[in-house]
């Protein structure tokens, strides 16, 4: 796929799916793939409902990132495990 074709597809994706998402095309295990990055999990769920798995002849993957919490250096493993268990209980 030519660079010009990729740029056209990226512009088309921004117009169709929204400019608030970061879009890029890379080679994946299944060929050329459009990656769409959302800010949050809920935004990724929303965009996934709009975007087909295959779009304009390329595969589509929707990603989101979660902010990493900074863990203090002097924290003990027991404290980490207590925190993890508390977080797991919240998600149930």
C-alpha atoms as a PDB file:
ATOM      1  CA  UNK A   1       0.000   0.000   0.000  1.00  0.00           C
ATOM      2  CA  UNK A   2       1.430   3.350  -0.994  1.00  0.00           C
ATOM      3  CA  UNK A   3       2.028   6.138   1.490  1.00  0.00           C
ATOM      4  CA  UNK A   4      -0.486   8.309  -0.369  1.00  0.00           C
ATOM      5  CA  UNK A   5      -3.156   5.594  -0.079  1.00  0.00           C
ATOM      6  CA  UNK A   6      -2.469   5.268   3.652  1.00  0.00           C
ATOM      7  CA  UNK A   7      -2.825   9.031   4.118  1.00  0.00           C
ATOM      8  CA  UNK A   8      -6.127   8.978   2.218  1.00  0.00           C
ATOM      9  CA  UNK A   9      -7.435   6.152   4.424  1.00  0.00           C
ATOM     10  CA  UNK A  10      -6.350   7.942   7.598  1.00  0.00           C
ATOM     11  CA  UNK A  11      -8.137  11.098   6.501  1.00  0.00           C
ATOM     12  CA  UNK A  12     -11.231   9.077   5.607  1.00  0.00           C
ATOM     13  CA  UNK A  13     -11.123   7.303   9.008  1.00  0.00           C
ATOM     14  CA  UNK A  14     -10.895  10.645  10.830  1.00  0.00           C
ATOM     15  CA  UNK A  15     -13.892  11.940   8.918  1.00  0.00           C
ATOM     16  CA  UNK A  16     -15.980   8.777   9.371  1.00  0.00           C
ATOM     17  CA  UNK A  17     -15.139   7.864  12.955  1.00  0.00           C
ATOM     18  CA  UNK A  18     -14.136  11.177  14.532  1.00  0.00           C
ATOM     19  CA  UNK A  19     -11.015  13.271  14.750  1.00  0.00           C
ATOM     20  CA  UNK A  20     -10.811  12.787  18.531  1.00  0.00           C
ATOM     21  CA  UNK A  21      -9.240   9.354  18.008  1.00  0.00           C
ATOM     22  CA  UNK A  22      -5.627   8.691  17.048  1.00  0.00           C
ATOM     23  CA  UNK A  23      -5.505   6.573  13.895  1.00  0.00           C
ATOM     24  CA  UNK A  24      -2.529   4.951  12.222  1.00  0.00           C
ATOM     25  CA  UNK A  25      -1.846   2.088   9.834  1.00  0.00           C
ATOM     26  CA  UNK A  26       0.805  -0.548  10.471  1.00  0.00           C
ATOM     27  CA  UNK A  27       1.591  -4.018   9.249  1.00  0.00           C
ATOM     28  CA  UNK A  28       0.019  -6.598  11.525  1.00  0.00           C
ATOM     29  CA  UNK A  29      -0.087 -10.378  11.535  1.00  0.00           C
ATOM     30  CA  UNK A  30      -3.138 -10.248   9.259  1.00  0.00           C
ATOM     31  CA  UNK A  31      -1.727  -7.640   6.867  1.00  0.00           C
ATOM     32  CA  UNK A  32      -2.144  -3.866   6.895  1.00  0.00           C
ATOM     33  CA  UNK A  33      -4.140  -2.855   9.946  1.00  0.00           C
ATOM     34  CA  UNK A  34      -5.848   0.366  10.989  1.00  0.00           C
ATOM     35  CA  UNK A  35      -5.310   1.055  14.681  1.00  0.00           C
ATOM     36  CA  UNK A  36      -7.699   3.444  16.393  1.00  0.00           C
ATOM     37  CA  UNK A  37      -6.678   4.643  19.855  1.00  0.00           C
ATOM     38  CA  UNK A  38      -9.319   5.932  22.264  1.00  0.00           C
ATOM     39  CA  UNK A  39      -8.635   7.755  25.528  1.00  0.00           C
ATOM     40  CA  UNK A  40     -10.858   5.602  27.724  1.00  0.00           C
ATOM     41  CA  UNK A  41     -12.412   2.168  27.774  1.00  0.00           C
ATOM     42  CA  UNK A  42     -15.914   3.605  27.334  1.00  0.00           C
ATOM     43  CA  UNK A  43     -14.765   5.605  24.301  1.00  0.00           C
ATOM     44  CA  UNK A  44     -13.220   2.462  22.818  1.00  0.00           C
ATOM     45  CA  UNK A  45     -16.489   0.559  23.293  1.00  0.00           C
ATOM     46  CA  UNK A  46     -18.367   3.387  21.577  1.00  0.00           C
ATOM     47  CA  UNK A  47     -16.031   3.521  18.571  1.00  0.00           C
ATOM     48  CA  UNK A  48     -15.934  -0.281  18.279  1.00  0.00           C
ATOM     49  CA  UNK A  49     -19.709  -0.246  17.771  1.00  0.00           C
ATOM     50  CA  UNK A  50     -19.262   2.168  14.829  1.00  0.00           C
ATOM     51  CA  UNK A  51     -16.249   0.536  13.189  1.00  0.00           C
ATOM     52  CA  UNK A  52     -16.408  -2.799  11.365  1.00  0.00           C
ATOM     53  CA  UNK A  53     -13.679  -5.412  11.836  1.00  0.00           C
ATOM     54  CA  UNK A  54     -12.680  -4.964   8.196  1.00  0.00           C
ATOM     55  CA  UNK A  55     -12.792  -1.466   6.710  1.00  0.00           C
ATOM     56  CA  UNK A  56     -11.763  -0.495   3.170  1.00  0.00           C
ATOM     57  CA  UNK A  57      -9.872  -3.749   2.770  1.00  0.00           C
ATOM     58  CA  UNK A  58      -7.812  -3.454   5.963  1.00  0.00           C
ATOM     59  CA  UNK A  59      -8.292  -4.918   9.424  1.00  0.00           C
ATOM     60  CA  UNK A  60      -9.281  -2.629  12.285  1.00  0.00           C
ATOM     61  CA  UNK A  61      -8.168  -2.804  15.908  1.00  0.00           C
ATOM     62  CA  UNK A  62      -9.475  -0.417  18.565  1.00  0.00           C
ATOM     63  CA  UNK A  63      -7.153   0.297  21.492  1.00  0.00           C
ATOM     64  CA  UNK A  64      -7.386   2.230  24.727  1.00  0.00           C
ATOM     65  CA  UNK A  65      -4.880   2.905  27.429  1.00  0.00           C
ATOM     66  CA  UNK A  66      -5.393   3.119  31.136  1.00  0.00           C
ATOM     67  CA  UNK A  67      -3.377   5.562  33.178  1.00  0.00           C
ATOM     68  CA  UNK A  68      -0.683   3.865  35.174  1.00  0.00           C
ATOM     69  CA  UNK A  69      -0.707   4.719  38.845  1.00  0.00           C
ATOM     70  CA  UNK A  70       2.602   5.579  40.331  1.00  0.00           C
ATOM     71  CA  UNK A  71       3.598   3.132  43.065  1.00  0.00           C
ATOM     72  CA  UNK A  72       5.863   4.551  45.773  1.00  0.00           C
ATOM     73  CA  UNK A  73       9.282   2.902  45.958  1.00  0.00           C
ATOM     74  CA  UNK A  74       8.996   2.173  49.694  1.00  0.00           C
ATOM     75  CA  UNK A  75       5.743   0.203  49.414  1.00  0.00           C
ATOM     76  CA  UNK A  76       5.784  -3.408  50.611  1.00  0.00           C
ATOM     77  CA  UNK A  77       4.514  -6.421  48.673  1.00  0.00           C
ATOM     78  CA  UNK A  78       1.807  -6.973  51.296  1.00  0.00           C
ATOM     79  CA  UNK A  79       0.482  -3.465  50.682  1.00  0.00           C
ATOM     80  CA  UNK A  80       0.468  -4.055  46.927  1.00  0.00           C
ATOM     81  CA  UNK A  81      -1.499  -7.293  47.382  1.00  0.00           C
ATOM     82  CA  UNK A  82      -4.009  -5.634  49.744  1.00  0.00           C
ATOM     83  CA  UNK A  83      -4.541  -2.852  47.203  1.00  0.00           C
ATOM     84  CA  UNK A  84      -4.949  -5.355  44.355  1.00  0.00           C
ATOM     85  CA  UNK A  85      -7.506  -7.388  46.329  1.00  0.00           C
ATOM     86  CA  UNK A  86      -9.438  -4.221  47.178  1.00  0.00           C
ATOM     87  CA  UNK A  87      -9.494  -3.204  43.490  1.00  0.00           C
ATOM     88  CA  UNK A  88     -10.634  -6.706  42.445  1.00  0.00           C
ATOM     89  CA  UNK A  89     -13.500  -6.546  44.945  1.00  0.00           C
ATOM     90  CA  UNK A  90     -14.611  -3.171  43.499  1.00  0.00           C
ATOM     91  CA  UNK A  91     -14.776  -4.585  39.983  1.00  0.00           C
ATOM     92  CA  UNK A  92     -17.159  -7.419  40.984  1.00  0.00           C
END
